[in-house]
Amino acid sequence: MQSISSIFGTPVRTLYCASKFGFSGFGKALRSEVLADGIHILQVYPGYVSTNISKNALSGSGEKFGKLDSDIKNGMSVEECSDQILRALTVGRTEIVVGNLAMQLTPLIAQFDFLCDFVGKMYYKKQLEKNAKAE
């Protein structure tokens, strides 16, 4: 499973994004290698899913973040995410974005540098404030 952060670099989550960008490239390359063997690979790019991931994430300094941020806390349920993944597998999709409308638009936004810069600047300050308020 990827993350929407493998399509769009999220401020304040640089290391996380870097690992996800690499994992996305690995999956795309692997898909082309195993296609002839009849192996199907589905790349899943979920938005916020309600899990404990941010509690276990590392901060920019390498220390454990240890908090649950509000986006993740209020994200879609694991069950809904799983249902969407299973539906995509059933119809033979190769990539899906799972999440709300903003998440669905991320691949489009990521194609334009000026939109990435605009969204990134807006999100940066917001993310710093959320990190400070996380539980």
Protein backbone atom coordinates (compact mmCIF):
# COMPACT_ATOMS: atom_id res chain seq x y z
CA MET A 1 0.00 0.00 0.00
CA GLN A 2 1.26 3.42 -0.93
CA SER A 3 0.00 6.74 0.35
CA ILE A 4 -1.30 9.88 -1.26
CA SER A 5 2.13 11.17 -0.15
CA SER A 6 3.71 9.14 -2.94
CA ILE A 7 1.91 11.37 -5.44
CA PHE A 8 2.21 14.72 -3.69
CA GLY A 9 5.04 15.72 -1.37
CA THR A 10 3.49 16.63 1.95
CA PRO A 11 5.25 19.35 3.98
CA VAL A 12 6.57 18.30 7.41
CA ARG A 13 6.52 14.64 6.31
CA THR A 14 9.59 14.68 4.09
CA LEU A 15 11.10 11.32 5.08
CA TYR A 16 7.73 9.60 4.90
CA CYS A 17 7.11 11.04 1.41
CA ALA A 18 10.55 10.01 0.20
CA SER A 19 9.97 6.41 1.23
CA LYS A 20 6.53 6.37 -0.40
CA PHE A 21 7.80 7.90 -3.68
CA GLY A 22 10.43 5.13 -3.82
CA PHE A 23 7.90 2.44 -3.02
CA SER A 24 5.59 3.73 -5.77
CA GLY A 25 8.38 3.54 -8.34
CA PHE A 26 9.29 0.05 -7.18
CA GLY A 27 5.68 -1.12 -7.62
CA LYS A 28 5.38 0.39 -11.11
CA ALA A 29 8.64 -1.20 -12.24
CA LEU A 30 7.73 -4.55 -10.68
CA ARG A 31 4.31 -4.50 -12.38
CA SER A 32 5.99 -4.30 -15.79
CA GLU A 33 8.37 -7.13 -14.90
CA VAL A 34 5.73 -9.61 -13.72
CA LEU A 35 2.91 -8.80 -16.14
CA ALA A 36 3.93 -11.57 -18.55
CA ASP A 37 3.75 -14.04 -15.66
CA GLY A 38 0.09 -13.19 -15.04
CA ILE A 39 0.80 -11.45 -11.72
CA HIS A 40 -1.44 -8.46 -11.03
CA ILE A 41 -0.17 -5.55 -8.93
CA LEU A 42 -2.52 -2.90 -7.60
CA GLN A 43 -0.97 0.37 -6.41
CA VAL A 44 -3.18 1.89 -3.69
CA TYR A 45 -2.80 5.55 -2.77
CA PRO A 46 -5.01 6.16 0.27
CA GLY A 47 -5.64 9.52 1.84
CA TYR A 48 -6.22 9.68 5.58
CA VAL A 49 -7.22 6.38 7.16
CA SER A 50 -8.02 6.19 10.85
CA THR A 51 -5.02 4.24 12.21
CA ASN A 52 -2.21 4.83 14.71
CA ILE A 53 0.36 5.57 11.99
CA SER A 54 1.15 9.12 13.13
CA LYS A 55 1.76 7.93 16.69
CA ASN A 56 4.45 5.61 15.33
CA ALA A 57 5.85 8.01 12.70
CA LEU A 58 9.22 9.70 13.04
CA SER A 59 9.56 13.47 13.14
CA GLY A 60 11.97 15.41 10.94
CA SER A 61 14.59 15.09 13.68
CA GLY A 62 14.22 11.30 13.67
CA GLU A 63 12.37 11.13 17.00
CA LYS A 64 9.06 9.29 17.42
CA PHE A 65 6.16 11.71 16.84
CA GLY A 66 4.00 9.90 19.40
CA LYS A 67 0.75 11.77 18.69
CA LEU A 68 -2.39 11.18 16.62
CA ASP A 69 -3.04 14.06 14.25
CA SER A 70 -6.61 15.18 13.55
CA ASP A 71 -6.57 14.32 9.82
CA ILE A 72 -5.71 10.71 10.55
CA LYS A 73 -7.99 10.54 13.58
CA ASN A 74 -10.90 11.74 11.40
CA GLY A 75 -9.90 9.73 8.33
CA MET A 76 -11.91 7.03 6.64
CA SER A 77 -12.32 3.76 8.44
CA VAL A 78 -10.00 0.85 7.75
CA GLU A 79 -13.08 -1.13 6.68
CA GLU A 80 -14.11 1.43 4.03
CA CYS A 81 -10.56 1.62 2.72
CA SER A 82 -10.42 -2.19 2.52
CA ASP A 83 -13.74 -2.34 0.67
CA GLN A 84 -12.51 0.13 -1.96
CA ILE A 85 -9.30 -1.86 -2.43
CA LEU A 86 -11.19 -5.13 -2.84
CA ARG A 87 -13.53 -3.54 -5.42
CA ALA A 88 -10.51 -2.28 -7.39
CA LEU A 89 -8.90 -5.73 -7.33
CA THR A 90 -12.14 -7.30 -8.52
CA VAL A 91 -12.28 -5.12 -11.64
CA GLY A 92 -8.54 -5.40 -12.40
CA ARG A 93 -7.44 -1.82 -11.71
CA THR A 94 -3.70 -1.11 -11.56
CA GLU A 95 -3.85 2.08 -9.46
CA ILE A 96 -6.46 3.72 -7.24
CA VAL A 97 -6.66 6.77 -5.03
CA VAL A 98 -8.80 6.09 -1.97
CA GLY A 99 -10.31 9.02 -0.12
CA ASN A 100 -12.42 12.15 -0.36
CA LEU A 101 -12.63 14.53 -3.33
CA ALA A 102 -9.45 16.40 -2.34
CA MET A 103 -7.55 13.11 -2.35
CA GLN A 104 -9.06 12.14 -5.71
CA LEU A 105 -7.79 15.43 -7.20
CA THR A 106 -4.23 14.98 -5.90
CA PRO A 107 -2.86 13.25 -9.03
CA LEU A 108 -4.16 16.15 -11.15
CA ILE A 109 -2.71 18.80 -8.81
CA ALA A 110 0.65 17.00 -8.73
CA GLN A 111 1.05 17.48 -12.50
CA PHE A 112 1.37 21.25 -12.15
CA ASP A 113 4.30 22.81 -10.27
CA PHE A 114 2.46 26.07 -9.55
CA LEU A 115 -0.43 24.14 -7.95
CA CYS A 116 2.00 22.01 -5.93
CA ASP A 117 3.74 25.16 -4.68
CA PHE A 118 0.46 26.87 -3.83
CA VAL A 119 -1.01 23.88 -1.97
CA GLY A 120 2.34 23.13 -0.30
CA LYS A 121 2.65 26.66 1.11
CA MET A 122 -0.91 26.59 2.44
CA TYR A 123 -0.49 23.14 3.91
CA TYR A 124 2.91 23.77 5.54
CA LYS A 125 1.69 26.24 8.17
CA LYS A 126 -1.49 24.25 8.73
CA GLN A 127 0.50 21.05 9.30
CA LEU A 128 2.84 22.70 11.83
CA GLU A 129 -0.19 23.92 13.78
CA LYS A 130 -1.82 20.47 13.66
CA ASN A 131 1.35 18.77 14.86
CA ALA A 132 1.48 21.10 17.84
CA LYS A 133 -2.18 20.32 18.70
CA ALA A 134 -2.01 16.55 18.09
CA GLU A 135 -3.10 14.34 20.97
